């Protein structure tokens, strides 16, 4: 009976170790924050209005039915146009959507 119990404990330990190894691999592969940061910054064309591009706000969310990384770059135009918001699909490693920015400066010039 002791042998059977020891075998079950051994199998449970192997399963737990494999689970955490897989979990770690998944997050290292699909959630490399530095890779997504560079991808997002390049997508903006290295916009010179971005303030401190290495420290954006970000969150992992469900956007339009898919898991995405939402990166928000604050800019010198936040008060007039708003920040730059990008949605990155971690599996495709590509920007799949953007937050709309207002063109308050352009509208102001047209009405003046």
C-alpha atoms as a PDB file:
ATOM      1  CA  UNK A   1       0.000   0.000   0.000  1.00  0.00           C
ATOM      2  CA  UNK A   2       2.861   2.397   0.791  1.00  0.00           C
ATOM      3  CA  UNK A   3       4.387   1.795  -2.609  1.00  0.00           C
ATOM      4  CA  UNK A   4       1.152   2.744  -4.366  1.00  0.00           C
ATOM      5  CA  UNK A   5       0.851   5.968  -2.339  1.00  0.00           C
ATOM      6  CA  UNK A   6       4.476   6.897  -3.095  1.00  0.00           C
ATOM      7  CA  UNK A   7       3.873   6.314  -6.812  1.00  0.00           C
ATOM      8  CA  UNK A   8       0.804   8.603  -6.804  1.00  0.00           C
ATOM      9  CA  UNK A   9       2.741  11.317  -5.018  1.00  0.00           C
ATOM     10  CA  UNK A  10       5.577  10.950  -7.538  1.00  0.00           C
ATOM     11  CA  UNK A  11       3.159  11.242 -10.471  1.00  0.00           C
ATOM     12  CA  UNK A  12       1.499  14.285  -8.884  1.00  0.00           C
ATOM     13  CA  UNK A  13       4.886  15.986  -8.477  1.00  0.00           C
ATOM     14  CA  UNK A  14       5.790  15.292 -12.129  1.00  0.00           C
ATOM     15  CA  UNK A  15       2.431  16.695 -13.290  1.00  0.00           C
ATOM     16  CA  UNK A  16       2.856  19.868 -11.208  1.00  0.00           C
ATOM     17  CA  UNK A  17       6.425  20.386 -12.486  1.00  0.00           C
ATOM     18  CA  UNK A  18       5.312  19.894 -16.102  1.00  0.00           C
ATOM     19  CA  UNK A  19       2.402  22.298 -15.603  1.00  0.00           C
ATOM     20  CA  UNK A  20       4.626  25.079 -14.269  1.00  0.00           C
ATOM     21  CA  UNK A  21       7.259  24.465 -16.953  1.00  0.00           C
ATOM     22  CA  UNK A  22       4.574  24.751 -19.653  1.00  0.00           C
ATOM     23  CA  UNK A  23       3.064  27.820 -18.020  1.00  0.00           C
ATOM     24  CA  UNK A  24       6.468  29.489 -17.828  1.00  0.00           C
ATOM     25  CA  UNK A  25       7.262  28.628 -21.464  1.00  0.00           C
ATOM     26  CA  UNK A  26       3.906  30.004 -22.615  1.00  0.00           C
ATOM     27  CA  UNK A  27       4.389  33.353 -20.894  1.00  0.00           C
ATOM     28  CA  UNK A  28       8.029  33.699 -21.976  1.00  0.00           C
ATOM     29  CA  UNK A  29       7.029  32.940 -25.568  1.00  0.00           C
ATOM     30  CA  UNK A  30       3.826  34.946 -25.888  1.00  0.00           C
ATOM     31  CA  UNK A  31       4.150  37.710 -23.308  1.00  0.00           C
ATOM     32  CA  UNK A  32       7.624  39.128 -23.823  1.00  0.00           C
ATOM     33  CA  UNK A  33       6.896  42.700 -22.788  1.00  0.00           C
ATOM     34  CA  UNK A  34      10.053  44.116 -24.344  1.00  0.00           C
ATOM     35  CA  UNK A  35       9.192  42.609 -27.735  1.00  0.00           C
ATOM     36  CA  UNK A  36       5.672  44.106 -27.675  1.00  0.00           C
ATOM     37  CA  UNK A  37       6.981  47.459 -26.506  1.00  0.00           C
ATOM     38  CA  UNK A  38       9.388  47.664 -29.437  1.00  0.00           C
ATOM     39  CA  UNK A  39       6.714  46.429 -31.859  1.00  0.00           C
ATOM     40  CA  UNK A  40       4.300  49.126 -30.668  1.00  0.00           C
ATOM     41  CA  UNK A  41       6.912  51.882 -30.748  1.00  0.00           C
ATOM     42  CA  UNK A  42       7.960  50.952 -34.281  1.00  0.00           C
ATOM     43  CA  UNK A  43       4.287  50.866 -35.331  1.00  0.00           C
ATOM     44  CA  UNK A  44       3.974  54.534 -34.329  1.00  0.00           C
ATOM     45  CA  UNK A  45       6.936  55.376 -36.535  1.00  0.00           C
ATOM     46  CA  UNK A  46       8.837  56.319 -33.380  1.00  0.00           C
ATOM     47  CA  UNK A  47       6.448  59.235 -32.957  1.00  0.00           C
ATOM     48  CA  UNK A  48       8.460  62.120 -31.472  1.00  0.00           C
ATOM     49  CA  UNK A  49       5.451  63.296 -29.439  1.00  0.00           C
ATOM     50  CA  UNK A  50       5.555  60.147 -27.270  1.00  0.00           C
ATOM     51  CA  UNK A  51       6.655  60.890 -23.727  1.00  0.00           C
ATOM     52  CA  UNK A  52       8.887  58.230 -22.142  1.00  0.00           C
ATOM     53  CA  UNK A  53       8.116  55.460 -24.661  1.00  0.00           C
ATOM     54  CA  UNK A  54       9.829  52.792 -22.533  1.00  0.00           C
ATOM     55  CA  UNK A  55       7.191  53.099 -19.768  1.00  0.00           C
ATOM     56  CA  UNK A  56       3.712  53.051 -21.337  1.00  0.00           C
ATOM     57  CA  UNK A  57       0.522  51.982 -19.596  1.00  0.00           C
ATOM     58  CA  UNK A  58      -0.471  48.472 -20.608  1.00  0.00           C
ATOM     59  CA  UNK A  59      -2.937  45.733 -19.802  1.00  0.00           C
ATOM     60  CA  UNK A  60      -3.907  42.318 -21.099  1.00  0.00           C
ATOM     61  CA  UNK A  61      -7.562  42.437 -22.129  1.00  0.00           C
ATOM     62  CA  UNK A  62     -10.200  40.824 -24.305  1.00  0.00           C
ATOM     63  CA  UNK A  63     -10.684  43.236 -27.229  1.00  0.00           C
ATOM     64  CA  UNK A  64     -13.310  42.417 -29.844  1.00  0.00           C
ATOM     65  CA  UNK A  65     -13.338  38.762 -28.850  1.00  0.00           C
ATOM     66  CA  UNK A  66      -9.596  38.164 -28.787  1.00  0.00           C
ATOM     67  CA  UNK A  67      -6.883  38.287 -26.171  1.00  0.00           C
ATOM     68  CA  UNK A  68      -4.788  41.415 -26.737  1.00  0.00           C
ATOM     69  CA  UNK A  69      -2.140  43.511 -25.100  1.00  0.00           C
ATOM     70  CA  UNK A  70      -3.334  47.121 -24.899  1.00  0.00           C
ATOM     71  CA  UNK A  71      -0.406  49.543 -24.875  1.00  0.00           C
ATOM     72  CA  UNK A  72      -1.037  53.243 -24.252  1.00  0.00           C
ATOM     73  CA  UNK A  73       1.684  55.752 -25.063  1.00  0.00           C
ATOM     74  CA  UNK A  74       1.218  59.169 -23.484  1.00  0.00           C
ATOM     75  CA  UNK A  75       2.166  62.043 -25.752  1.00  0.00           C
ATOM     76  CA  UNK A  76       2.712  65.759 -25.634  1.00  0.00           C
ATOM     77  CA  UNK A  77      -0.651  65.933 -27.454  1.00  0.00           C
ATOM     78  CA  UNK A  78      -2.667  64.053 -24.798  1.00  0.00           C
ATOM     79  CA  UNK A  79      -4.750  67.132 -23.976  1.00  0.00           C
ATOM     80  CA  UNK A  80      -5.605  67.913 -27.603  1.00  0.00           C
ATOM     81  CA  UNK A  81      -5.633  64.530 -29.380  1.00  0.00           C
ATOM     82  CA  UNK A  82      -5.326  61.941 -26.625  1.00  0.00           C
ATOM     83  CA  UNK A  83      -2.767  59.207 -26.071  1.00  0.00           C
ATOM     84  CA  UNK A  84      -1.810  56.579 -28.646  1.00  0.00           C
ATOM     85  CA  UNK A  85      -3.525  53.264 -27.839  1.00  0.00           C
ATOM     86  CA  UNK A  86      -2.547  50.068 -29.654  1.00  0.00           C
ATOM     87  CA  UNK A  87      -3.915  46.522 -29.407  1.00  0.00           C
ATOM     88  CA  UNK A  88      -1.392  43.743 -30.058  1.00  0.00           C
ATOM     89  CA  UNK A  89      -2.325  40.119 -30.697  1.00  0.00           C
ATOM     90  CA  UNK A  90       0.293  38.134 -28.720  1.00  0.00           C
ATOM     91  CA  UNK A  91      -0.080  35.060 -30.936  1.00  0.00           C
ATOM     92  CA  UNK A  92       0.344  36.905 -34.248  1.00  0.00           C
ATOM     93  CA  UNK A  93       2.745  39.415 -32.681  1.00  0.00           C
ATOM     94  CA  UNK A  94       1.124  42.213 -34.641  1.00  0.00           C
ATOM     95  CA  UNK A  95      -0.896  45.371 -33.996  1.00  0.00           C
ATOM     96  CA  UNK A  96      -4.522  44.468 -34.755  1.00  0.00           C
ATOM     97  CA  UNK A  97      -6.335  47.672 -33.763  1.00  0.00           C
ATOM     98  CA  UNK A  98      -5.793  51.195 -32.472  1.00  0.00           C
ATOM     99  CA  UNK A  99      -7.729  53.555 -30.218  1.00  0.00           C
ATOM    100  CA  UNK A 100      -9.155  56.518 -32.118  1.00  0.00           C
ATOM    101  CA  UNK A 101      -7.458  59.840 -31.504  1.00  0.00           C
ATOM    102  CA  UNK A 102      -9.337  63.078 -31.975  1.00  0.00           C
ATOM    103  CA  UNK A 103      -7.987  65.627 -34.362  1.00  0.00           C
ATOM    104  CA  UNK A 104      -8.921  68.565 -32.151  1.00  0.00           C
ATOM    105  CA  UNK A 105      -6.046  70.678 -33.483  1.00  0.00           C
ATOM    106  CA  UNK A 106      -7.149  70.151 -37.084  1.00  0.00           C
ATOM    107  CA  UNK A 107     -10.819  70.870 -36.300  1.00  0.00           C
ATOM    108  CA  UNK A 108      -9.847  74.011 -34.395  1.00  0.00           C
ATOM    109  CA  UNK A 109      -7.890  75.335 -37.384  1.00  0.00           C
ATOM    110  CA  UNK A 110     -10.801  74.648 -39.769  1.00  0.00           C
ATOM    111  CA  UNK A 111     -13.331  76.526 -37.641  1.00  0.00           C
ATOM    112  CA  UNK A 112     -11.119  79.557 -37.053  1.00  0.00           C
END
